Amino acid sequence: MYQQYFTEEHELFRQSFRAFLNKEVIPNIDQWEEDRKTPRAIWKKMGDMGFLGLSYPEAYGGMGLDFFYDVVFNEELGRTNSGGFAITQQVTQYMSCPYILKYGSERLKQKYLPGIIKGELISSIAITEPGAGSDAANIQTKAVKEGDFYIVNGSKTFITNGVYGDFLITVVKTDPTAGTSGVSLLVIDRNAEGVSANKLKKLGWHSSDTAELSFDDVKVPAENLIGQEGSGFYYLMNGLQLERLVAVPAGITACEHAIEMTLKYMSERKAFGRPINKFQVLRHRIAQLSSEIAAAKAFSYQCCKMYTDKVYDVKLCSMAKLLVTELCEKVATQCLQMYGGYGFMEDFPMARMYRDVRVGTIGGGSSEIMREIIAKMVIDEVDYQKAEPVPIGESREKSNGSADKPDLEKMLASIQGKAAKASPLGKKLKFNFGEEQLHIDGTGASNAVSMEDADADCVVQVSLSDFIELTKGKLNPMNAVMSGKIKIEGDMGVAMKLQSLFA
């Protein structure tokens, strides 16, 4: 049915990997769940068999294959009915190490990637903090440069692989005053002096470890900086789509597997003298779920194809993540209901799925965040473009084109005309270009624009050249904020109206 996405080679890989999981993994899942830990030896076996690093370059031991091999990999992980087992390699292969692969130095690539692909190393992505989850720009963990080292202090929480992993891709503030432009990524060895971990007790994913981490004067070599200092936020924005996308194939096959298990049980379980698969209400429930799964699967493949073709589509990727993780909850809940009291027993597989899928609507961007991203794109016509970090060796000022400074006075009349047509802001807004300012008083019947340096409810720090791009509609305000081209101080409600001001 999906021959346009999978070749014969893809299916041969699927058969091989499924056979491995059926022999080496699935018979042991119950014990690993009891142990609250998956043994490291299984990752080494997977590496030896060539199941890891499928799309990683051959230079580091990978296979250099297309993304649909990764789709197959994640689909088969989803069939294991163990989110804890699946998430360990999903975090390692797709959520943490890609930052080293895309932006890290050759030294970092050579040090860490071969071990990841061999199954000898496990990694984490350490973003979330007690006070900053989806708001990654508001992290508080600090890294202060001292000679050839960074001194890191702070804490992280809900970090998968944070207890038994080997190293952490850690999001830190290298310049607390620079907003998103002060965020950087550091590779911190898990066993470095000053790093401590507390293993958290979770509702599900029992066979994986999740940690609360503390960094107390941790000394990190400066060469462990990924890419350029201050570009970490842009790296993260570019990486989130893959993080969300890999959850989709695994979620779809988890749903399919739940239906398979439930149908088998329904054919065997009798009530009132006949199998319960003969009761119309239950049959129709299965029919509805199966239809929704099939539709989500087709949509997910389209999203994966776009990723393969290097199409950066935040809206569809967010929609896929939202729909599939919500569907997983629905399927788990309704299938468990078919089992009656047995569904509540740990001896039956639906109990594990029921608790494991719950985190899907929270991790990697909650359903609420997904809906807000989608709403901004559908309703507010926000256009999220791929964030382009500044090339190493160039300053952000240079990359913004500020060397060729336009004449603000000559543009004033045009800006006044655009602002006058827009709805009054209701408050005062000031653009600060450094030596010059542009003041918009929106408290009257229309927006009044001047070049005076007056107080305002909201101050937008931006280069003049980027401001010109805003007025021309070539630079999206939300993208500019995310990429660090715009810094906002004061009333964010005023800043949210920038899109309409220059429409």
Foldseek 3Di string as FASTA:
>chain_A
DPCVQDDPVLVVLLVVVLVCCVPPPLVCPVVLLVVLADDLVVLLVCLVVLNFQACPDVVLPYNVDFCVSLLSSLLSVLLSLFLLVSVQLLQFRANFCVLCVPFADPVVSNVPRNCSSSSNFTEKEFQAAPVDDPNSLPDAWAWEDDPQWTFTWDKGFFIWCLPVGFWYFYWHFDDPVQGLLRIWTFIGTSPFPQKDWDWDDALASSSTTTTIITGDRGIGGNSRTGHDGSQHLLSNVQRLLRSLLSVQSSLLSNLVSLLVQLVVQQCVDDDPHHRNCPDVVLVVVSVVLVVLSVVLVVLSSVVSVCVSVVNDDLLSSLVSLLSSLVSLLVSLVSSLVSVPPVSCDPVDSSVNSNRSSPCSCPPSAHSVRSVVVNCCCPPVVFDADRQDGDHPPDDPCVVLVLVPPDDVVVCQVVLQVLQQPFQQLLWKEKEPQDVWIWIWGRNDRTTGIDGDDDDTQKYKYAHRSVVVCLLVVNDGLVNCVSNSRIDMDHDVSSVVCSSRSRD
